[in-house]
C-alpha atoms as a PDB file:
ATOM      1  CA  UNK A   1      -3.418 -16.506  67.037  1.00  0.00           C
ATOM      2  CA  UNK A   2      -0.314 -18.560  67.730  1.00  0.00           C
ATOM      3  CA  UNK A   3       2.036 -18.830  64.772  1.00  0.00           C
ATOM      4  CA  UNK A   4       2.664 -22.311  63.448  1.00  0.00           C
ATOM      5  CA  UNK A   5       6.360 -21.908  64.275  1.00  0.00           C
ATOM      6  CA  UNK A   6       5.564 -20.998  67.868  1.00  0.00           C
ATOM      7  CA  UNK A   7       3.084 -23.881  68.215  1.00  0.00           C
ATOM      8  CA  UNK A   8       5.622 -26.404  66.898  1.00  0.00           C
ATOM      9  CA  UNK A   9       8.279 -24.941  69.211  1.00  0.00           C
ATOM     10  CA  UNK A  10       5.964 -25.199  72.262  1.00  0.00           C
ATOM     11  CA  UNK A  11       5.029 -28.757  71.498  1.00  0.00           C
ATOM     12  CA  UNK A  12       8.714 -29.685  70.971  1.00  0.00           C
ATOM     13  CA  UNK A  13       9.976 -27.975  74.142  1.00  0.00           C
ATOM     14  CA  UNK A  14       7.432 -29.933  76.155  1.00  0.00           C
ATOM     15  CA  UNK A  15       7.520 -33.348  74.454  1.00  0.00           C
ATOM     16  CA  UNK A  16      11.244 -33.894  73.841  1.00  0.00           C
ATOM     17  CA  UNK A  17      12.409 -33.403  77.445  1.00  0.00           C
ATOM     18  CA  UNK A  18       9.529 -35.482  78.852  1.00  0.00           C
ATOM     19  CA  UNK A  19      10.197 -38.289  76.380  1.00  0.00           C
ATOM     20  CA  UNK A  20      13.843 -38.373  77.519  1.00  0.00           C
ATOM     21  CA  UNK A  21      12.562 -39.526  80.946  1.00  0.00           C
ATOM     22  CA  UNK A  22      11.897 -42.860  79.366  1.00  0.00           C
ATOM     23  CA  UNK A  23      15.623 -43.470  79.607  1.00  0.00           C
ATOM     24  CA  UNK A  24      16.204 -42.231  83.139  1.00  0.00           C
ATOM     25  CA  UNK A  25      14.813 -45.256  84.880  1.00  0.00           C
ATOM     26  CA  UNK A  26      11.717 -45.773  87.048  1.00  0.00           C
ATOM     27  CA  UNK A  27      13.644 -45.678  90.285  1.00  0.00           C
ATOM     28  CA  UNK A  28      15.266 -42.285  89.396  1.00  0.00           C
ATOM     29  CA  UNK A  29      11.914 -40.841  88.373  1.00  0.00           C
ATOM     30  CA  UNK A  30      10.514 -41.789  91.770  1.00  0.00           C
ATOM     31  CA  UNK A  31      13.551 -40.505  93.608  1.00  0.00           C
ATOM     32  CA  UNK A  32      13.889 -37.111  91.983  1.00  0.00           C
ATOM     33  CA  UNK A  33      10.211 -36.320  91.112  1.00  0.00           C
ATOM     34  CA  UNK A  34       9.462 -34.455  94.364  1.00  0.00           C
ATOM     35  CA  UNK A  35      12.302 -31.989  93.813  1.00  0.00           C
ATOM     36  CA  UNK A  36      11.345 -31.813  90.069  1.00  0.00           C
ATOM     37  CA  UNK A  37       7.719 -30.959  90.911  1.00  0.00           C
ATOM     38  CA  UNK A  38       8.822 -28.377  93.434  1.00  0.00           C
ATOM     39  CA  UNK A  39      11.102 -26.630  90.972  1.00  0.00           C
ATOM     40  CA  UNK A  40       8.390 -26.548  88.295  1.00  0.00           C
ATOM     41  CA  UNK A  41       5.952 -24.860  90.683  1.00  0.00           C
ATOM     42  CA  UNK A  42       8.645 -22.490  91.786  1.00  0.00           C
ATOM     43  CA  UNK A  43       9.564 -21.742  88.143  1.00  0.00           C
ATOM     44  CA  UNK A  44       5.966 -21.025  87.214  1.00  0.00           C
ATOM     45  CA  UNK A  45       5.824 -18.439  90.019  1.00  0.00           C
ATOM     46  CA  UNK A  46       9.077 -16.971  88.802  1.00  0.00           C
ATOM     47  CA  UNK A  47       7.835 -16.807  85.268  1.00  0.00           C
ATOM     48  CA  UNK A  48       4.611 -15.091  86.350  1.00  0.00           C
ATOM     49  CA  UNK A  49       6.747 -12.454  88.136  1.00  0.00           C
ATOM     50  CA  UNK A  50       9.102 -12.071  85.124  1.00  0.00           C
ATOM     51  CA  UNK A  51       6.055 -11.752  82.831  1.00  0.00           C
ATOM     52  CA  UNK A  52       4.723  -8.886  85.002  1.00  0.00           C
ATOM     53  CA  UNK A  53       8.160  -7.154  85.018  1.00  0.00           C
ATOM     54  CA  UNK A  54       8.564  -7.498  81.217  1.00  0.00           C
ATOM     55  CA  UNK A  55      11.906  -9.213  81.609  1.00  0.00           C
ATOM     56  CA  UNK A  56      11.426 -10.856  78.157  1.00  0.00           C
ATOM     57  CA  UNK A  57       9.244 -10.270  75.147  1.00  0.00           C
ATOM     58  CA  UNK A  58       7.534 -12.976  73.211  1.00  0.00           C
ATOM     59  CA  UNK A  59       6.863 -12.371  69.594  1.00  0.00           C
ATOM     60  CA  UNK A  60       3.381 -12.772  68.276  1.00  0.00           C
ATOM     61  CA  UNK A  61      -0.068 -11.787  69.414  1.00  0.00           C
ATOM     62  CA  UNK A  62      -1.920 -12.103  71.687  1.00  0.00           C
ATOM     63  CA  UNK A  63       0.380 -12.098  74.640  1.00  0.00           C
ATOM     64  CA  UNK A  64      -0.561 -15.022  76.962  1.00  0.00           C
ATOM     65  CA  UNK A  65       1.302 -16.674  79.802  1.00  0.00           C
ATOM     66  CA  UNK A  66      -0.084 -20.100  78.817  1.00  0.00           C
ATOM     67  CA  UNK A  67       1.277 -20.059  75.352  1.00  0.00           C
ATOM     68  CA  UNK A  68       4.507 -18.062  76.079  1.00  0.00           C
ATOM     69  CA  UNK A  69       6.113 -18.799  79.429  1.00  0.00           C
ATOM     70  CA  UNK A  70       4.269 -21.922  80.580  1.00  0.00           C
ATOM     71  CA  UNK A  71       5.808 -24.294  78.028  1.00  0.00           C
ATOM     72  CA  UNK A  72       9.265 -23.312  79.283  1.00  0.00           C
ATOM     73  CA  UNK A  73       8.245 -24.110  82.842  1.00  0.00           C
ATOM     74  CA  UNK A  74       6.403 -27.386  82.122  1.00  0.00           C
ATOM     75  CA  UNK A  75       8.722 -28.592  79.403  1.00  0.00           C
ATOM     76  CA  UNK A  76      12.391 -28.607  80.171  1.00  0.00           C
ATOM     77  CA  UNK A  77      12.613 -27.750  83.868  1.00  0.00           C
ATOM     78  CA  UNK A  78      11.467 -30.955  85.566  1.00  0.00           C
ATOM     79  CA  UNK A  79      13.053 -33.447  83.134  1.00  0.00           C
ATOM     80  CA  UNK A  80      16.337 -31.539  83.000  1.00  0.00           C
ATOM     81  CA  UNK A  81      16.385 -31.154  86.816  1.00  0.00           C
ATOM     82  CA  UNK A  82      15.818 -34.854  87.260  1.00  0.00           C
ATOM     83  CA  UNK A  83      18.571 -35.728  84.770  1.00  0.00           C
ATOM     84  CA  UNK A  84      21.062 -33.366  86.431  1.00  0.00           C
ATOM     85  CA  UNK A  85      20.198 -34.786  89.865  1.00  0.00           C
ATOM     86  CA  UNK A  86      20.637 -38.349  88.565  1.00  0.00           C
ATOM     87  CA  UNK A  87      23.977 -37.568  87.007  1.00  0.00           C
ATOM     88  CA  UNK A  88      25.446 -35.523  89.847  1.00  0.00           C
ATOM     89  CA  UNK A  89      23.484 -35.865  93.127  1.00  0.00           C
ATOM     90  CA  UNK A  90      25.955 -36.452  95.901  1.00  0.00           C
ATOM     91  CA  UNK A  91      28.683 -34.390  94.243  1.00  0.00           C
ATOM     92  CA  UNK A  92      27.616 -30.780  94.812  1.00  0.00           C
ATOM     93  CA  UNK A  93      30.499 -29.308  92.782  1.00  0.00           C
ATOM     94  CA  UNK A  94      29.668 -31.459  89.781  1.00  0.00           C
ATOM     95  CA  UNK A  95      25.947 -30.521  90.143  1.00  0.00           C
ATOM     96  CA  UNK A  96      26.747 -26.810  90.213  1.00  0.00           C
ATOM     97  CA  UNK A  97      29.139 -27.087  87.263  1.00  0.00           C
ATOM     98  CA  UNK A  98      26.603 -29.063  85.128  1.00  0.00           C
ATOM     99  CA  UNK A  99      23.817 -26.586  85.980  1.00  0.00           C
ATOM    100  CA  UNK A 100      26.081 -23.604  85.204  1.00  0.00           C
ATOM    101  CA  UNK A 101      26.944 -25.150  81.806  1.00  0.00           C
ATOM    102  CA  UNK A 102      23.269 -25.887  81.013  1.00  0.00           C
ATOM    103  CA  UNK A 103      22.090 -22.485  82.212  1.00  0.00           C
ATOM    104  CA  UNK A 104      24.958 -20.720  80.441  1.00  0.00           C
ATOM    105  CA  UNK A 105      24.136 -22.468  77.144  1.00  0.00           C
ATOM    106  CA  UNK A 106      20.503 -21.437  77.470  1.00  0.00           C
ATOM    107  CA  UNK A 107      21.214 -17.791  78.511  1.00  0.00           C
ATOM    108  CA  UNK A 108      24.066 -17.036  76.125  1.00  0.00           C
ATOM    109  CA  UNK A 109      23.426 -19.319  73.124  1.00  0.00           C
ATOM    110  CA  UNK A 110      19.880 -20.633  73.006  1.00  0.00           C
ATOM    111  CA  UNK A 111      18.337 -17.260  73.645  1.00  0.00           C
ATOM    112  CA  UNK A 112      20.019 -15.993  70.517  1.00  0.00           C
ATOM    113  CA  UNK A 113      18.504 -18.854  68.553  1.00  0.00           C
ATOM    114  CA  UNK A 114      15.055 -18.112  70.079  1.00  0.00           C
ATOM    115  CA  UNK A 115      15.417 -14.452  69.079  1.00  0.00           C
ATOM    116  CA  UNK A 116      16.442 -15.383  65.568  1.00  0.00           C
ATOM    117  CA  UNK A 117      13.342 -17.595  65.125  1.00  0.00           C
ATOM    118  CA  UNK A 118      11.224 -14.829  66.647  1.00  0.00           C
ATOM    119  CA  UNK A 119      10.009 -16.817  69.625  1.00  0.00           C
ATOM    120  CA  UNK A 120      11.308 -14.715  72.525  1.00  0.00           C
ATOM    121  CA  UNK A 121      13.948 -12.106  73.326  1.00  0.00           C
ATOM    122  CA  UNK A 122      15.242 -10.551  76.508  1.00  0.00           C
ATOM    123  CA  UNK A 123      13.690  -7.182  77.260  1.00  0.00           C
ATOM    124  CA  UNK A 124      14.586  -5.801  80.638  1.00  0.00           C
ATOM    125  CA  UNK A 125      17.353  -8.200  81.508  1.00  0.00           C
ATOM    126  CA  UNK A 126      20.759  -8.630  79.972  1.00  0.00           C
ATOM    127  CA  UNK A 127      22.193 -12.071  79.441  1.00  0.00           C
ATOM    128  CA  UNK A 128      24.204 -12.227  82.711  1.00  0.00           C
ATOM    129  CA  UNK A 129      21.128 -11.169  84.711  1.00  0.00           C
ATOM    130  CA  UNK A 130      19.090 -13.804  82.889  1.00  0.00           C
ATOM    131  CA  UNK A 131      21.788 -16.428  83.634  1.00  0.00           C
ATOM    132  CA  UNK A 132      21.578 -15.562  87.349  1.00  0.00           C
ATOM    133  CA  UNK A 133      17.789 -15.680  87.143  1.00  0.00           C
ATOM    134  CA  UNK A 134      17.820 -19.238  85.879  1.00  0.00           C
ATOM    135  CA  UNK A 135      20.904 -20.468  87.743  1.00  0.00           C
ATOM    136  CA  UNK A 136      19.994 -19.567  91.334  1.00  0.00           C
ATOM    137  CA  UNK A 137      17.214 -22.180  91.259  1.00  0.00           C
ATOM    138  CA  UNK A 138      19.854 -24.966  90.993  1.00  0.00           C
ATOM    139  CA  UNK A 139      20.827 -24.443  94.640  1.00  0.00           C
ATOM    140  CA  UNK A 140      17.197 -24.510  95.665  1.00  0.00           C
ATOM    141  CA  UNK A 141      16.660 -27.761  93.699  1.00  0.00           C
ATOM    142  CA  UNK A 142      19.602 -29.389  95.327  1.00  0.00           C
ATOM    143  CA  UNK A 143      18.498 -28.274  98.793  1.00  0.00           C
ATOM    144  CA  UNK A 144      15.002 -29.660  98.255  1.00  0.00           C
ATOM    145  CA  UNK A 145      16.366 -33.011  97.127  1.00  0.00           C
ATOM    146  CA  UNK A 146      18.777 -33.079 100.061  1.00  0.00           C
ATOM    147  CA  UNK A 147      15.952 -32.422 102.534  1.00  0.00           C
ATOM    148  CA  UNK A 148      13.735 -35.003 100.824  1.00  0.00           C
ATOM    149  CA  UNK A 149      16.469 -37.623 101.095  1.00  0.00           C
ATOM    150  CA  UNK A 150      17.057 -36.692 104.755  1.00  0.00           C
ATOM    151  CA  UNK A 151      13.361 -36.979 105.556  1.00  0.00           C
ATOM    152  CA  UNK A 152      12.974 -40.194 103.637  1.00  0.00           C
ATOM    153  CA  UNK A 153      15.693 -41.917 105.693  1.00  0.00           C
END
């Protein structure tokens, strides 16, 4: 049974980022959605591997990918990726810096908050390893968007 706190958290982590796309603009949604979808699919595969490797531990029973990892993949990844591309695409250094800040906040600050609220904690990864695990995908995201723009022209 999913705890009420965990259910509210899952709904929030999905709804809030997606609602933010109302402010990004229709043109930007179209432009960055291919890279966003790609990164979500890639992230789901990564989460499935991390789940198998026990890199993190979700509190509560039963353990299930759909209620634990999937909201993190579906919720913030695509909207945040699209926002970061909109803000910084064309300036690779700015893109990397913004991604490093966002990933650092998640790995070093937000994970502590999630642990305190008994949602999830790191198990077989330390914070730096977790930062690298979430940050390396930024380069892949930029590369996919770059190739998409090149093919589109």
